[in-house]
Structure formats: C-alpha cells, structure tokens
C-alpha atoms as a PDB file:
ATOM      1  CA  MET A   1       3.665  12.770  13.116  1.00  0.00           C
ATOM      2  CA  ALA A   2       2.421  11.711   9.699  1.00  0.00           C
ATOM      3  CA  VAL A   3       2.802  13.151   6.210  1.00  0.00           C
ATOM      4  CA  ASP A   4      -0.096  15.357   5.121  1.00  0.00           C
ATOM      5  CA  PRO A   5      -2.684  12.933   3.695  1.00  0.00           C
ATOM      6  CA  ALA A   6      -3.372  15.322   0.782  1.00  0.00           C
ATOM      7  CA  LEU A   7       0.283  14.983  -0.294  1.00  0.00           C
ATOM      8  CA  VAL A   8       0.122  11.189  -0.073  1.00  0.00           C
ATOM      9  CA  ILE A   9      -3.066  11.115  -2.164  1.00  0.00           C
ATOM     10  CA  ALA A  10      -1.777  13.567  -4.782  1.00  0.00           C
ATOM     11  CA  THR A  11       1.416  11.548  -5.090  1.00  0.00           C
ATOM     12  CA  ALA A  12      -0.474   8.258  -5.384  1.00  0.00           C
ATOM     13  CA  ARG A  13      -2.751   9.777  -8.028  1.00  0.00           C
ATOM     14  CA  SER A  14       0.312  10.789 -10.048  1.00  0.00           C
ATOM     15  CA  TRP A  15       0.901   7.026 -10.475  1.00  0.00           C
ATOM     16  CA  LEU A  16      -2.556   6.407 -12.029  1.00  0.00           C
ATOM     17  CA  GLY A  17      -2.249   4.637 -15.363  1.00  0.00           C
ATOM     18  CA  THR A  18       1.147   3.118 -14.570  1.00  0.00           C
ATOM     19  CA  PRO A  19       1.088  -0.407 -16.059  1.00  0.00           C
ATOM     20  CA  TYR A  20       1.206  -3.433 -13.793  1.00  0.00           C
ATOM     21  CA  HIS A  21       4.619  -5.071 -13.588  1.00  0.00           C
ATOM     22  CA  ASP A  22       5.432  -7.605 -10.873  1.00  0.00           C
ATOM     23  CA  GLN A  23       8.046  -6.383  -8.349  1.00  0.00           C
ATOM     24  CA  ALA A  24       8.677  -3.091 -10.197  1.00  0.00           C
ATOM     25  CA  SER A  25       8.379   0.435  -8.818  1.00  0.00           C
ATOM     26  CA  LEU A  26       8.743   3.048 -11.571  1.00  0.00           C
ATOM     27  CA  ARG A  27       5.992   5.608 -12.083  1.00  0.00           C
ATOM     28  CA  GLY A  28       4.711   5.569 -15.651  1.00  0.00           C
ATOM     29  CA  VAL A  29       6.778   2.473 -16.475  1.00  0.00           C
ATOM     30  CA  GLY A  30       5.492  -0.308 -14.232  1.00  0.00           C
ATOM     31  CA  CYS A  31       4.743  -1.359 -10.671  1.00  0.00           C
ATOM     32  CA  ASP A  32       2.831  -3.813  -8.562  1.00  0.00           C
ATOM     33  CA  CYS A  33       0.888  -2.881  -5.430  1.00  0.00           C
ATOM     34  CA  LEU A  34       3.958  -2.856  -3.180  1.00  0.00           C
ATOM     35  CA  GLY A  35       5.906  -0.988  -5.857  1.00  0.00           C
ATOM     36  CA  LEU A  36       3.233   1.731  -5.805  1.00  0.00           C
ATOM     37  CA  ALA A  37       3.616   2.067  -2.023  1.00  0.00           C
ATOM     38  CA  ARG A  38       7.408   2.117  -2.357  1.00  0.00           C
ATOM     39  CA  GLY A  39       7.216   4.830  -5.006  1.00  0.00           C
ATOM     40  CA  VAL A  40       4.880   6.976  -2.932  1.00  0.00           C
ATOM     41  CA  TRP A  41       7.233   6.475   0.048  1.00  0.00           C
ATOM     42  CA  ARG A  42      10.226   7.695  -1.981  1.00  0.00           C
ATOM     43  CA  GLU A  43       8.337  10.806  -3.086  1.00  0.00           C
ATOM     44  CA  VAL A  44       6.816  11.815   0.266  1.00  0.00           C
ATOM     45  CA  VAL A  45       9.281  10.409   2.835  1.00  0.00           C
ATOM     46  CA  GLY A  46      12.614   9.828   1.081  1.00  0.00           C
ATOM     47  CA  ASP A  47      14.938   6.937   0.377  1.00  0.00           C
ATOM     48  CA  GLU A  48      13.675   3.462   1.167  1.00  0.00           C
ATOM     49  CA  PRO A  49      15.261   2.361   4.461  1.00  0.00           C
ATOM     50  CA  PHE A  50      16.098  -1.163   3.295  1.00  0.00           C
ATOM     51  CA  PRO A  51      15.964  -3.211   0.092  1.00  0.00           C
ATOM     52  CA  ILE A  52      12.811  -5.204  -0.538  1.00  0.00           C
ATOM     53  CA  PRO A  53      13.596  -8.891  -1.142  1.00  0.00           C
ATOM     54  CA  PRO A  54      11.753 -10.843  -3.855  1.00  0.00           C
ATOM     55  CA  TYR A  55       8.305 -11.961  -2.738  1.00  0.00           C
ATOM     56  CA  SER A  56       5.700 -14.509  -3.734  1.00  0.00           C
ATOM     57  CA  ARG A  57       2.596 -13.529  -5.701  1.00  0.00           C
ATOM     58  CA  ASP A  58       0.538 -16.245  -3.963  1.00  0.00           C
ATOM     59  CA  TRP A  59      -2.342 -14.269  -2.427  1.00  0.00           C
ATOM     60  CA  GLY A  60      -3.644 -17.400  -0.719  1.00  0.00           C
ATOM     61  CA  GLU A  61      -0.352 -18.047   1.088  1.00  0.00           C
ATOM     62  CA  THR A  62      -0.738 -18.847   4.768  1.00  0.00           C
ATOM     63  CA  GLY A  63       1.829 -18.860   7.518  1.00  0.00           C
ATOM     64  CA  PRO A  64       2.690 -17.700  10.998  1.00  0.00           C
ATOM     65  CA  ARG A  65       4.259 -14.356  10.001  1.00  0.00           C
ATOM     66  CA  GLU A  66       2.734 -11.252   8.492  1.00  0.00           C
ATOM     67  CA  VAL A  67       5.920 -10.252   6.653  1.00  0.00           C
ATOM     68  CA  LEU A  68       4.474  -7.184   4.936  1.00  0.00           C
ATOM     69  CA  ALA A  69       2.837  -5.866   8.110  1.00  0.00           C
ATOM     70  CA  ASP A  70       5.974  -6.553  10.158  1.00  0.00           C
ATOM     71  CA  GLY A  71       8.038  -4.571   7.657  1.00  0.00           C
ATOM     72  CA  ALA A  72       5.580  -1.673   7.653  1.00  0.00           C
ATOM     73  CA  ARG A  73       5.631  -1.554  11.467  1.00  0.00           C
ATOM     74  CA  LYS A  74       9.374  -0.890  11.374  1.00  0.00           C
ATOM     75  CA  MET A  75       8.866   2.292   9.353  1.00  0.00           C
ATOM     76  CA  MET A  76       5.291   3.497   9.836  1.00  0.00           C
ATOM     77  CA  ARG A  77       2.802   4.152  12.611  1.00  0.00           C
ATOM     78  CA  GLU A  78       0.106   1.479  12.719  1.00  0.00           C
ATOM     79  CA  VAL A  79      -3.511   2.510  13.201  1.00  0.00           C
ATOM     80  CA  ALA A  80      -6.619   0.388  13.548  1.00  0.00           C
ATOM     81  CA  PRO A  81      -8.145  -0.353  10.136  1.00  0.00           C
ATOM     82  CA  SER A  82     -11.422   1.147  11.368  1.00  0.00           C
ATOM     83  CA  GLU A  83      -9.565   4.414  12.103  1.00  0.00           C
ATOM     84  CA  ALA A  84      -7.610   4.575   8.839  1.00  0.00           C
ATOM     85  CA  GLY A  85      -8.334   7.789   6.995  1.00  0.00           C
ATOM     86  CA  HIS A  86      -7.336   9.463   3.744  1.00  0.00           C
ATOM     87  CA  GLY A  87      -3.724   8.798   2.839  1.00  0.00           C
ATOM     88  CA  ALA A  88      -3.388   5.657   4.950  1.00  0.00           C
ATOM     89  CA  LEU A  89      -1.624   2.616   3.550  1.00  0.00           C
ATOM     90  CA  VAL A  90      -3.853  -0.428   3.942  1.00  0.00           C
ATOM     91  CA  LEU A  91      -2.924  -4.103   3.669  1.00  0.00           C
ATOM     92  CA  PHE A  92      -5.509  -6.556   2.418  1.00  0.00           C
ATOM     93  CA  ARG A  93      -6.001 -10.281   3.049  1.00  0.00           C
ATOM     94  CA  MET A  94      -7.163 -11.655  -0.260  1.00  0.00           C
ATOM     95  CA  ALA A  95      -8.364 -14.968   1.195  1.00  0.00           C
ATOM     96  CA  PRO A  96      -9.573 -15.959   4.664  1.00  0.00           C
ATOM     97  CA  ARG A  97      -6.680 -16.928   6.969  1.00  0.00           C
ATOM     98  CA  ALA A  98      -4.135 -15.924   4.297  1.00  0.00           C
ATOM     99  CA  ILE A  99      -1.385 -13.472   5.120  1.00  0.00           C
ATOM    100  CA  ALA A 100      -1.930  -9.873   3.995  1.00  0.00           C
ATOM    101  CA  LYS A 101      -0.241  -9.436   0.614  1.00  0.00           C
ATOM    102  CA  HIS A 102      -2.083  -6.671  -1.233  1.00  0.00           C
ATOM    103  CA  VAL A 103      -1.517  -2.946  -0.640  1.00  0.00           C
ATOM    104  CA  GLY A 104      -3.577   0.155  -1.343  1.00  0.00           C
ATOM    105  CA  ILE A 105      -3.791   3.795  -0.321  1.00  0.00           C
ATOM    106  CA  LEU A 106      -7.098   5.259   0.891  1.00  0.00           C
ATOM    107  CA  THR A 107      -8.142   8.399  -0.986  1.00  0.00           C
ATOM    108  CA  ALA A 108     -11.631   8.950   0.462  1.00  0.00           C
ATOM    109  CA  PRO A 109     -13.954   7.108   2.834  1.00  0.00           C
ATOM    110  CA  ASP A 110     -15.092   4.949  -0.083  1.00  0.00           C
ATOM    111  CA  ARG A 111     -12.139   5.001  -2.534  1.00  0.00           C
ATOM    112  CA  PHE A 112      -8.584   3.710  -2.786  1.00  0.00           C
ATOM    113  CA  ILE A 113      -5.671   3.473  -5.202  1.00  0.00           C
ATOM    114  CA  HIS A 114      -3.827   0.236  -5.887  1.00  0.00           C
ATOM    115  CA  ALA A 115      -1.971  -1.602  -8.622  1.00  0.00           C
ATOM    116  CA  TYR A 116      -3.849  -4.583  -9.903  1.00  0.00           C
ATOM    117  CA  GLU A 117      -2.801  -7.177 -12.452  1.00  0.00           C
ATOM    118  CA  ARG A 118      -4.110  -6.404 -15.969  1.00  0.00           C
ATOM    119  CA  LEU A 119      -5.370  -2.974 -14.811  1.00  0.00           C
ATOM    120  CA  GLY A 120      -2.223  -1.234 -13.568  1.00  0.00           C
ATOM    121  CA  VAL A 121      -2.591   1.583 -11.068  1.00  0.00           C
ATOM    122  CA  VAL A 122      -6.246   2.491 -10.646  1.00  0.00           C
ATOM    123  CA  GLU A 123      -8.462   4.372  -8.223  1.00  0.00           C
ATOM    124  CA  GLU A 124     -11.639   2.545  -7.462  1.00  0.00           C
ATOM    125  CA  VAL A 125     -14.521   2.187  -5.055  1.00  0.00           C
ATOM    126  CA  LEU A 126     -13.724   0.607  -1.701  1.00  0.00           C
ATOM    127  CA  THR A 127     -16.615  -1.838  -1.891  1.00  0.00           C
ATOM    128  CA  PRO A 128     -17.762  -3.804   1.163  1.00  0.00           C
ATOM    129  CA  THR A 129     -15.799  -6.777  -0.224  1.00  0.00           C
ATOM    130  CA  TRP A 130     -12.573  -4.755  -0.364  1.00  0.00           C
ATOM    131  CA  ARG A 131     -13.262  -3.089   3.016  1.00  0.00           C
ATOM    132  CA  ARG A 132     -13.672  -6.392   4.877  1.00  0.00           C
ATOM    133  CA  ARG A 133     -10.335  -7.593   3.478  1.00  0.00           C
ATOM    134  CA  ILE A 134      -8.397  -4.753   5.171  1.00  0.00           C
ATOM    135  CA  ALA A 135      -6.196  -6.382   7.810  1.00  0.00           C
ATOM    136  CA  PHE A 136      -3.754  -3.582   8.710  1.00  0.00           C
ATOM    137  CA  ALA A 137      -3.388   0.172   8.247  1.00  0.00           C
ATOM    138  CA  PHE A 138      -0.370   2.469   8.530  1.00  0.00           C
ATOM    139  CA  LEU A 139       0.476   6.166   8.192  1.00  0.00           C
ATOM    140  CA  PHE A 140       3.380   7.521   6.147  1.00  0.00           C
ATOM    141  CA  PRO A 141       5.826   9.195   8.586  1.00  0.00           C
ATOM    142  CA  LEU A 142       7.313  12.655   8.204  1.00  0.00           C
ATOM    143  CA  PRO A 143      10.846  12.405   6.799  1.00  0.00           C
ATOM    144  CA  SER A 144      12.260  13.831  10.020  1.00  0.00           C
ATOM    145  CA  SER A 145      10.562  11.184  12.183  1.00  0.00           C
ATOM    146  CA  ILE A 146      12.156   8.022  10.762  1.00  0.00           C
END
C-alpha cells in the first residue's frame, strides 16, 4: 500500500519556496532535492529508517551502482517510470550513462516539485527534457507497511 498521493503532493507543496542548501532537509530553512524527499518522508511516513551519508553533487558521475535507487528500493515500492503517477518520487539521470542523482515528486501528469540550485524548492513543468531523464520511480509507503 502507498500513502495517498494527495497527501504527498500537499506536503511537498508546503516546502515550496524553501531555499536551496546542499545536504540540508529543513522546510523553510534549506534543502536540496534529496532533502526535500527526506522531509516529505518524515511528514507522511515517519522517522527516516537510516542516516543518509554525505553524497557527491557530481551529476555526471558514472559507476556500476545506482546508490540512490538502491536505497529507495529498501524503503519504497518501485514502479515503472511510465506508470508513475501523482505523488511518485522520481529519480533523474542528468547526463547520459550517469547514475541517477536528482529527485523530484510528480504533482500532475506534466508537473513536478524539486529543489534546484539557485531556485530552491519549485514546482515546474515536466518538459520532454525532464521526462526523458526519469530513470526510476517509487511510491511512498504507508507508515504501517515499512
């Protein structure tokens, strides 16, 4: 079972305007894209199940492991990106063959919320460029199912 997508979206929207701050996760104070997802998790699911280690900001990083996706799989139900609906957490590859390192939350068929450097937390159009970068999608679990 998954959390009601409307709750996920309302919670994510409550973070709009939060300034960008690398590796932070405090609504209204600062967060990065993963910090936004962590904050939404805390509000709709509960305590984070494990601490998040420091991570590289290199969006072009390549390697054999999809660390972010592997971590999400431990806590969330994976769905095909083409089947991801409102409230789904999506992971983006920012460069071809790079590992997925950017996170957003779908709010409509053509919109998503994410934290972006210099912009902070924003809701914007899921353009074809953004859509083709989606590599993975996950659903927030009900608190009782983790």
